Amino acid sequence: LGLHFVPAEVRFTKDARKSKLWRNYVPDKKEEENGDVVAICDDEDLMSVELPEEDFPLVWKRPPESR
């Protein structure tokens, strides 16, 4: 495994569930604010999934004006 730097805004797609390395980070269900558990069916739903800081530390974020 190597060291990789990626933009802070990067998120997994549902295709990552096929990967032995990444599938543990791509949930197939999420809990709504009201407590309901719903299926995550598309990539748009995955955009709201937060990645664990211990595995994906944010070391630098580009200032908004330079995007």
N, C-alpha and C. Protein backbone atom coordinates (compact mmCIF):
# COMPACT_ATOMS: atom_id res chain seq x y z
N LEU A 1 0.85 -1.17 0.00
CA LEU A 1 0.00 0.00 0.00
C LEU A 1 0.89 1.22 0.00
N GLY A 2 0.53 2.21 -0.76
CA GLY A 2 1.33 3.42 -0.85
C GLY A 2 0.65 4.60 -0.20
N LEU A 3 1.32 5.71 -0.23
CA LEU A 3 0.81 6.96 0.31
C LEU A 3 0.23 7.75 -0.86
N HIS A 4 -1.02 8.16 -0.74
CA HIS A 4 -1.69 8.88 -1.82
C HIS A 4 -2.29 10.17 -1.29
N PHE A 5 -2.20 11.19 -2.09
CA PHE A 5 -2.82 12.47 -1.76
C PHE A 5 -3.93 12.72 -2.77
N VAL A 6 -5.12 12.94 -2.28
CA VAL A 6 -6.27 13.20 -3.15
C VAL A 6 -7.00 14.43 -2.63
N PRO A 7 -7.80 15.09 -3.48
CA PRO A 7 -8.55 16.27 -3.02
C PRO A 7 -9.49 15.92 -1.86
N ALA A 8 -9.66 16.87 -0.96
CA ALA A 8 -10.50 16.65 0.23
C ALA A 8 -11.95 16.36 -0.13
N GLU A 9 -12.39 16.78 -1.30
CA GLU A 9 -13.79 16.62 -1.69
C GLU A 9 -14.08 15.25 -2.30
N VAL A 10 -13.08 14.42 -2.45
CA VAL A 10 -13.25 13.12 -3.10
C VAL A 10 -14.14 12.22 -2.26
N ARG A 11 -15.02 11.50 -2.93
CA ARG A 11 -15.89 10.53 -2.28
C ARG A 11 -15.90 9.25 -3.11
N PHE A 12 -16.23 8.13 -2.48
CA PHE A 12 -16.32 6.86 -3.19
C PHE A 12 -17.59 6.81 -4.02
N THR A 13 -17.58 5.99 -5.05
CA THR A 13 -18.79 5.69 -5.80
C THR A 13 -19.24 4.29 -5.38
N LYS A 14 -20.43 3.90 -5.80
CA LYS A 14 -20.94 2.58 -5.43
C LYS A 14 -20.08 1.46 -6.02
N ASP A 15 -19.33 1.74 -7.08
CA ASP A 15 -18.44 0.73 -7.67
C ASP A 15 -17.32 0.32 -6.71
N ALA A 16 -17.01 1.16 -5.74
CA ALA A 16 -15.96 0.82 -4.77
C ALA A 16 -16.36 -0.38 -3.91
N ARG A 17 -17.65 -0.72 -3.87
CA ARG A 17 -18.09 -1.90 -3.12
C ARG A 17 -17.54 -3.19 -3.71
N LYS A 18 -17.10 -3.16 -4.96
CA LYS A 18 -16.54 -4.33 -5.62
C LYS A 18 -15.08 -4.56 -5.25
N SER A 19 -14.45 -3.59 -4.64
CA SER A 19 -13.03 -3.65 -4.31
C SER A 19 -12.80 -4.28 -2.93
N LYS A 20 -11.87 -5.21 -2.85
CA LYS A 20 -11.53 -5.80 -1.55
C LYS A 20 -10.94 -4.76 -0.62
N LEU A 21 -10.21 -3.81 -1.18
CA LEU A 21 -9.55 -2.78 -0.38
C LEU A 21 -10.52 -1.72 0.14
N TRP A 22 -11.46 -1.29 -0.69
CA TRP A 22 -12.30 -0.14 -0.34
C TRP A 22 -13.71 -0.47 0.13
N ARG A 23 -14.20 -1.69 -0.10
CA ARG A 23 -15.62 -1.96 0.17
C ARG A 23 -16.05 -1.74 1.62
N ASN A 24 -15.14 -1.86 2.57
CA ASN A 24 -15.51 -1.62 3.97
C ASN A 24 -15.82 -0.16 4.26
N TYR A 25 -15.41 0.74 3.37
CA TYR A 25 -15.65 2.17 3.56
C TYR A 25 -16.90 2.66 2.82
N VAL A 26 -17.53 1.77 2.05
CA VAL A 26 -18.68 2.17 1.24
C VAL A 26 -19.92 1.46 1.77
N PRO A 27 -20.67 2.10 2.65
CA PRO A 27 -21.83 1.44 3.26
C PRO A 27 -22.95 1.23 2.25
N ASP A 28 -23.80 0.23 2.52
CA ASP A 28 -24.96 0.02 1.66
C ASP A 28 -26.24 0.53 2.32
N LYS A 29 -26.12 0.99 3.57
CA LYS A 29 -27.26 1.56 4.29
C LYS A 29 -26.78 2.76 5.10
N LYS A 30 -27.70 3.68 5.38
CA LYS A 30 -27.38 4.81 6.24
C LYS A 30 -28.57 5.12 7.12
N GLU A 31 -28.30 5.77 8.24
CA GLU A 31 -29.37 6.14 9.16
C GLU A 31 -29.74 7.59 8.92
N GLU A 32 -31.02 7.83 8.71
CA GLU A 32 -31.53 9.18 8.51
C GLU A 32 -31.60 9.89 9.86
N GLU A 33 -31.77 11.21 9.83
CA GLU A 33 -31.88 11.98 11.07
C GLU A 33 -33.06 11.54 11.93
N ASN A 34 -34.12 11.04 11.31
CA ASN A 34 -35.30 10.60 12.06
C ASN A 34 -35.15 9.18 12.61
N GLY A 35 -33.98 8.55 12.35
CA GLY A 35 -33.74 7.21 12.86
C GLY A 35 -34.01 6.08 11.89
N ASP A 36 -34.64 6.40 10.76
CA ASP A 36 -34.90 5.37 9.75
C ASP A 36 -33.59 4.93 9.09
N VAL A 37 -33.50 3.64 8.79
CA VAL A 37 -32.35 3.11 8.07
C VAL A 37 -32.79 2.90 6.63
N VAL A 38 -32.06 3.51 5.69
CA VAL A 38 -32.43 3.43 4.28
C VAL A 38 -31.25 2.93 3.46
N ALA A 39 -31.55 2.34 2.32
CA ALA A 39 -30.52 1.83 1.42
C ALA A 39 -29.83 2.98 0.69
N ILE A 40 -28.53 2.82 0.48
CA ILE A 40 -27.78 3.75 -0.34
C ILE A 40 -27.67 3.10 -1.71
N CYS A 41 -28.40 3.66 -2.66
CA CYS A 41 -28.53 3.02 -3.97
C CYS A 41 -27.68 3.66 -5.05
N ASP A 42 -27.33 4.93 -4.90
CA ASP A 42 -26.60 5.58 -5.98
C ASP A 42 -25.44 6.43 -5.45
N ASP A 43 -24.65 6.91 -6.37
CA ASP A 43 -23.46 7.67 -6.01
C ASP A 43 -23.80 8.97 -5.29
N GLU A 44 -24.94 9.57 -5.62
CA GLU A 44 -25.34 10.81 -4.96
C GLU A 44 -25.56 10.59 -3.46
N ASP A 45 -26.15 9.46 -3.09
CA ASP A 45 -26.34 9.14 -1.67
C ASP A 45 -24.99 8.99 -0.96
N LEU A 46 -24.00 8.47 -1.66
CA LEU A 46 -22.69 8.27 -1.04
C LEU A 46 -21.96 9.58 -0.76
N MET A 47 -22.36 10.67 -1.42
CA MET A 47 -21.71 11.96 -1.19
C MET A 47 -21.88 12.43 0.26
N SER A 48 -22.91 11.97 0.93
CA SER A 48 -23.15 12.39 2.31
C SER A 48 -22.43 11.52 3.34
N VAL A 49 -21.78 10.45 2.90
CA VAL A 49 -21.08 9.56 3.81
C VAL A 49 -19.74 10.17 4.21
N GLU A 50 -19.51 10.31 5.49
CA GLU A 50 -18.25 10.85 6.00
C GLU A 50 -17.23 9.73 6.12
N LEU A 51 -16.03 10.00 5.65
CA LEU A 51 -14.95 9.01 5.75
C LEU A 51 -14.27 9.14 7.11
N PRO A 52 -13.82 8.03 7.70
CA PRO A 52 -13.19 8.09 9.02
C PRO A 52 -11.86 8.85 8.97
N GLU A 53 -11.71 9.82 9.85
CA GLU A 53 -10.51 10.66 9.90
C GLU A 53 -9.24 9.84 10.15
N GLU A 54 -9.34 8.77 10.93
CA GLU A 54 -8.14 7.97 11.23
C GLU A 54 -7.60 7.24 9.99
N ASP A 55 -8.48 6.93 9.05
CA ASP A 55 -8.05 6.25 7.82
C ASP A 55 -7.82 7.21 6.66
N PHE A 56 -8.50 8.35 6.69
CA PHE A 56 -8.42 9.33 5.62
C PHE A 56 -8.19 10.72 6.22
N PRO A 57 -7.01 10.95 6.77
CA PRO A 57 -6.76 12.24 7.42
C PRO A 57 -6.71 13.39 6.41
N LEU A 58 -7.33 14.48 6.77
CA LEU A 58 -7.31 15.68 5.94
C LEU A 58 -6.10 16.51 6.38
N VAL A 59 -5.12 16.61 5.51
CA VAL A 59 -3.90 17.32 5.88
C VAL A 59 -3.82 18.71 5.26
N TRP A 60 -4.57 18.95 4.21
CA TRP A 60 -4.57 20.26 3.58
C TRP A 60 -5.81 20.40 2.72
N LYS A 61 -6.41 21.56 2.76
CA LYS A 61 -7.61 21.82 1.94
C LYS A 61 -7.37 23.11 1.17
N ARG A 62 -7.56 23.06 -0.14
CA ARG A 62 -7.36 24.22 -0.99
C ARG A 62 -8.34 25.34 -0.60
N PRO A 63 -7.86 26.59 -0.54
CA PRO A 63 -8.76 27.71 -0.24
C PRO A 63 -9.83 27.83 -1.31
N PRO A 64 -11.05 28.24 -0.94
CA PRO A 64 -12.17 28.32 -1.89
C PRO A 64 -11.88 29.19 -3.12
N GLU A 65 -11.14 30.26 -2.96
CA GLU A 65 -10.91 31.16 -4.08
C GLU A 65 -10.01 30.59 -5.16
N SER A 66 -9.27 29.51 -4.87
CA SER A 66 -8.36 28.94 -5.87
C SER A 66 -8.94 27.72 -6.58
N ARG A 67 -10.18 27.38 -6.34
CA ARG A 67 -10.81 26.22 -6.98
C ARG A 67 -11.26 26.51 -8.38
